[in-house]
Amino acid sequence: MKKIINIAVLVSLLGLGGCATIMTGTSQPFTVNSNIHKAKVYIDGKYAGETPLALEKLSTKKNHTIRIEADGYMPVTEVIKKEASGWVWGNIFLGGLIGLGVDMATGGLYVFEKDNMTGNLIKIQELEPIKK
C-alpha cells in the first residue's frame, strides 16, 4: 500500500510541472547580427548591447520587438513572434490542464519562430535640394 501511495504522489508532482516548461524551459538563446559592426540593439525599447549580440536567455513568454540602429543608417525593427511548442501535446496527454496552465503561465508553452535576426542597415544619403 505504501508503494502505491508513493507512486501516486510522484505522478501528482510530475503533473504540477508543465511538460513544455520542463523540456524547453521558459527562455531560449537568440542572436542578433547586422551588416554594421557594433550597431546598437534594443529589445522591447531597452538597450541590450551591440552586434553581434548573443543572448543566452530571451523569455518566450511574449513576443519581442528588436530594433537595430547605428548613426547614419536607417534603423531596422522586427517583431520576434512566439509559437506553441510541440511539447504542448505532452501536456494534453500527460500533464492535463494543470501542466498546460503551468506552461502558459511560465512561457514554457512557447518557442520563437526563429532563433536569430540579421539587420541590413542602409546608409542614409544626404538629400540634395530639389532644383526648380
C-alpha atoms as a PDB file:
ATOM      1  CA  MET A   1       0.000   0.000   0.000  1.00  0.00           C
ATOM      2  CA  LYS A   2       2.816   2.384   0.877  1.00  0.00           C
ATOM      3  CA  LYS A   3       4.387   1.786  -2.552  1.00  0.00           C
ATOM      4  CA  ILE A   4       1.121   2.717  -4.304  1.00  0.00           C
ATOM      5  CA  ILE A   5       0.876   5.949  -2.298  1.00  0.00           C
ATOM      6  CA  ASN A   6       4.476   6.863  -3.193  1.00  0.00           C
ATOM      7  CA  ILE A   7       3.773   6.284  -6.877  1.00  0.00           C
ATOM      8  CA  ALA A   8       0.572   8.356  -6.706  1.00  0.00           C
ATOM      9  CA  VAL A   9       2.444  11.236  -5.024  1.00  0.00           C
ATOM     10  CA  LEU A  10       5.209  11.071  -7.658  1.00  0.00           C
ATOM     11  CA  VAL A  11       2.709  11.126 -10.528  1.00  0.00           C
ATOM     12  CA  SER A  12       0.898  14.083  -8.920  1.00  0.00           C
ATOM     13  CA  LEU A  13       4.130  16.038  -8.555  1.00  0.00           C
ATOM     14  CA  LEU A  14       5.044  15.408 -12.191  1.00  0.00           C
ATOM     15  CA  GLY A  15       1.668  16.780 -13.226  1.00  0.00           C
ATOM     16  CA  LEU A  16       2.351  20.058 -11.401  1.00  0.00           C
ATOM     17  CA  GLY A  17       5.226  20.924 -13.730  1.00  0.00           C
ATOM     18  CA  GLY A  18       4.310  21.557 -17.327  1.00  0.00           C
ATOM     19  CA  CYS A  19       5.800  19.210 -19.884  1.00  0.00           C
ATOM     20  CA  ALA A  20       6.925  22.015 -22.208  1.00  0.00           C
ATOM     21  CA  THR A  21       8.388  24.025 -19.312  1.00  0.00           C
ATOM     22  CA  ILE A  22      10.438  21.004 -18.297  1.00  0.00           C
ATOM     23  CA  MET A  23      11.523  20.135 -21.846  1.00  0.00           C
ATOM     24  CA  THR A  24      12.144  23.557 -23.423  1.00  0.00           C
ATOM     25  CA  GLY A  25      12.344  25.956 -20.476  1.00  0.00           C
ATOM     26  CA  THR A  26      10.900  29.458 -20.323  1.00  0.00           C
ATOM     27  CA  SER A  27      13.562  31.150 -22.431  1.00  0.00           C
ATOM     28  CA  GLN A  28      15.815  30.348 -25.356  1.00  0.00           C
ATOM     29  CA  PRO A  29      19.086  31.583 -26.864  1.00  0.00           C
ATOM     30  CA  PHE A  30      18.772  34.289 -29.525  1.00  0.00           C
ATOM     31  CA  THR A  31      21.387  36.045 -31.660  1.00  0.00           C
ATOM     32  CA  VAL A  32      21.235  39.471 -33.281  1.00  0.00           C
ATOM     33  CA  ASN A  33      23.573  40.424 -36.123  1.00  0.00           C
ATOM     34  CA  SER A  34      23.825  43.267 -38.600  1.00  0.00           C
ATOM     35  CA  ASN A  35      25.915  44.362 -41.547  1.00  0.00           C
ATOM     36  CA  ILE A  36      27.248  47.180 -39.333  1.00  0.00           C
ATOM     37  CA  HIS A  37      29.671  46.062 -36.607  1.00  0.00           C
ATOM     38  CA  LYS A  38      28.735  47.324 -33.137  1.00  0.00           C
ATOM     39  CA  ALA A  39      25.248  48.537 -34.113  1.00  0.00           C
ATOM     40  CA  LYS A  40      23.096  49.175 -31.048  1.00  0.00           C
ATOM     41  CA  VAL A  41      20.412  46.600 -30.202  1.00  0.00           C
ATOM     42  CA  TYR A  42      17.233  47.411 -28.299  1.00  0.00           C
ATOM     43  CA  ILE A  43      14.814  44.742 -27.118  1.00  0.00           C
ATOM     44  CA  ASP A  44      11.346  45.973 -26.206  1.00  0.00           C
ATOM     45  CA  GLY A  45      12.743  49.517 -26.063  1.00  0.00           C
ATOM     46  CA  LYS A  46      15.599  48.682 -23.670  1.00  0.00           C
ATOM     47  CA  TYR A  47      19.262  48.738 -24.668  1.00  0.00           C
ATOM     48  CA  ALA A  48      20.590  45.162 -24.821  1.00  0.00           C
ATOM     49  CA  GLY A  49      24.083  45.537 -26.325  1.00  0.00           C
ATOM     50  CA  GLU A  50      25.861  45.772 -29.675  1.00  0.00           C
ATOM     51  CA  THR A  51      26.030  43.487 -32.675  1.00  0.00           C
ATOM     52  CA  PRO A  52      26.992  40.751 -32.872  1.00  0.00           C
ATOM     53  CA  LEU A  53      24.883  40.006 -29.791  1.00  0.00           C
ATOM     54  CA  ALA A  54      24.359  36.510 -28.397  1.00  0.00           C
ATOM     55  CA  LEU A  55      21.625  36.363 -25.773  1.00  0.00           C
ATOM     56  CA  GLU A  56      21.708  33.259 -23.619  1.00  0.00           C
ATOM     57  CA  LYS A  57      18.131  33.683 -22.454  1.00  0.00           C
ATOM     58  CA  LEU A  58      15.280  35.552 -24.107  1.00  0.00           C
ATOM     59  CA  SER A  59      11.927  34.958 -22.399  1.00  0.00           C
ATOM     60  CA  THR A  60       9.483  33.002 -24.546  1.00  0.00           C
ATOM     61  CA  LYS A  61       6.510  34.293 -22.548  1.00  0.00           C
ATOM     62  CA  LYS A  62       5.789  37.073 -25.070  1.00  0.00           C
ATOM     63  CA  ASN A  63       6.698  38.430 -28.490  1.00  0.00           C
ATOM     64  CA  HIS A  64       9.661  40.820 -28.563  1.00  0.00           C
ATOM     65  CA  THR A  65      10.366  43.902 -30.674  1.00  0.00           C
ATOM     66  CA  ILE A  66      14.019  44.097 -31.653  1.00  0.00           C
ATOM     67  CA  ARG A  67      15.478  47.305 -33.090  1.00  0.00           C
ATOM     68  CA  ILE A  68      18.970  47.642 -34.535  1.00  0.00           C
ATOM     69  CA  GLU A  69      20.387  51.106 -35.144  1.00  0.00           C
ATOM     70  CA  ALA A  70      23.643  52.880 -35.947  1.00  0.00           C
ATOM     71  CA  ASP A  71      24.494  56.534 -36.561  1.00  0.00           C
ATOM     72  CA  GLY A  72      23.990  57.477 -40.216  1.00  0.00           C
ATOM     73  CA  TYR A  73      21.880  54.393 -41.017  1.00  0.00           C
ATOM     74  CA  MET A  74      18.148  53.678 -41.211  1.00  0.00           C
ATOM     75  CA  PRO A  75      17.163  51.528 -38.205  1.00  0.00           C
ATOM     76  CA  VAL A  76      15.744  48.036 -38.656  1.00  0.00           C
ATOM     77  CA  THR A  77      12.901  46.791 -36.439  1.00  0.00           C
ATOM     78  CA  GLU A  78      11.450  43.290 -36.319  1.00  0.00           C
ATOM     79  CA  VAL A  79       8.931  41.552 -34.068  1.00  0.00           C
ATOM     80  CA  ILE A  80      10.096  38.119 -32.950  1.00  0.00           C
ATOM     81  CA  LYS A  81       6.968  36.039 -32.519  1.00  0.00           C
ATOM     82  CA  LYS A  82       6.342  33.140 -30.202  1.00  0.00           C
ATOM     83  CA  GLU A  83       4.534  29.995 -31.295  1.00  0.00           C
ATOM     84  CA  ALA A  84       3.282  26.922 -29.464  1.00  0.00           C
ATOM     85  CA  SER A  85       5.926  24.327 -28.731  1.00  0.00           C
ATOM     86  CA  GLY A  86       5.409  20.768 -29.943  1.00  0.00           C
ATOM     87  CA  TRP A  87       5.603  19.735 -26.292  1.00  0.00           C
ATOM     88  CA  VAL A  88       2.100  21.108 -25.764  1.00  0.00           C
ATOM     89  CA  TRP A  89       0.894  17.652 -26.827  1.00  0.00           C
ATOM     90  CA  GLY A  90       2.800  16.180 -23.895  1.00  0.00           C
ATOM     91  CA  ASN A  91       0.681  18.320 -21.600  1.00  0.00           C
ATOM     92  CA  ILE A  92      -2.533  17.191 -23.193  1.00  0.00           C
ATOM     93  CA  PHE A  93      -1.642  13.521 -22.778  1.00  0.00           C
ATOM     94  CA  LEU A  94       0.488  13.572 -19.610  1.00  0.00           C
ATOM     95  CA  GLY A  95       0.099  16.772 -17.641  1.00  0.00           C
ATOM     96  CA  GLY A  96      -3.513  17.611 -18.315  1.00  0.00           C
ATOM     97  CA  LEU A  97      -4.920  21.044 -17.618  1.00  0.00           C
ATOM     98  CA  ILE A  98      -2.600  21.706 -14.690  1.00  0.00           C
ATOM     99  CA  GLY A  99       0.518  21.146 -16.792  1.00  0.00           C
ATOM    100  CA  LEU A 100      -0.935  23.211 -19.637  1.00  0.00           C
ATOM    101  CA  GLY A 101      -1.722  26.030 -17.205  1.00  0.00           C
ATOM    102  CA  VAL A 102       1.811  25.954 -15.783  1.00  0.00           C
ATOM    103  CA  ASP A 103       3.299  26.158 -19.286  1.00  0.00           C
ATOM    104  CA  MET A 104       1.033  29.041 -20.279  1.00  0.00           C
ATOM    105  CA  ALA A 105       1.849  30.999 -17.123  1.00  0.00           C
ATOM    106  CA  THR A 106       5.629  30.498 -17.312  1.00  0.00           C
ATOM    107  CA  GLY A 107       6.022  30.875 -21.075  1.00  0.00           C
ATOM    108  CA  GLY A 108       7.254  27.285 -21.366  1.00  0.00           C
ATOM    109  CA  LEU A 109       4.430  26.557 -23.789  1.00  0.00           C
ATOM    110  CA  TYR A 110       6.123  28.729 -26.408  1.00  0.00           C
ATOM    111  CA  VAL A 111       9.230  28.849 -28.576  1.00  0.00           C
ATOM    112  CA  PHE A 112      10.263  31.564 -31.015  1.00  0.00           C
ATOM    113  CA  GLU A 113       9.566  31.096 -34.713  1.00  0.00           C
ATOM    114  CA  LYS A 114      13.308  31.671 -35.280  1.00  0.00           C
ATOM    115  CA  ASP A 115      16.426  31.888 -33.144  1.00  0.00           C
ATOM    116  CA  ASN A 116      18.215  34.810 -34.796  1.00  0.00           C
ATOM    117  CA  MET A 117      17.812  38.146 -36.548  1.00  0.00           C
ATOM    118  CA  THR A 118      20.124  39.864 -39.008  1.00  0.00           C
ATOM    119  CA  GLY A 119      19.511  43.516 -39.749  1.00  0.00           C
ATOM    120  CA  ASN A 120      20.613  45.032 -43.037  1.00  0.00           C
ATOM    121  CA  LEU A 121      21.086  48.705 -42.151  1.00  0.00           C
ATOM    122  CA  ILE A 122      21.009  51.104 -45.110  1.00  0.00           C
ATOM    123  CA  LYS A 123      23.103  54.266 -45.102  1.00  0.00           C
ATOM    124  CA  ILE A 124      21.120  57.488 -45.019  1.00  0.00           C
ATOM    125  CA  GLN A 125      22.059  59.606 -48.033  1.00  0.00           C
ATOM    126  CA  GLU A 126      22.010  63.328 -47.675  1.00  0.00           C
ATOM    127  CA  LEU A 127      19.309  64.617 -49.955  1.00  0.00           C
ATOM    128  CA  GLU A 128      20.172  67.369 -52.376  1.00  0.00           C
ATOM    129  CA  PRO A 129      17.680  70.232 -52.548  1.00  0.00           C
ATOM    130  CA  ILE A 130      15.285  69.981 -55.452  1.00  0.00           C
ATOM    131  CA  LYS A 131      16.241  72.469 -58.154  1.00  0.00           C
ATOM    132  CA  LYS A 132      13.474  74.343 -59.919  1.00  0.00           C
END
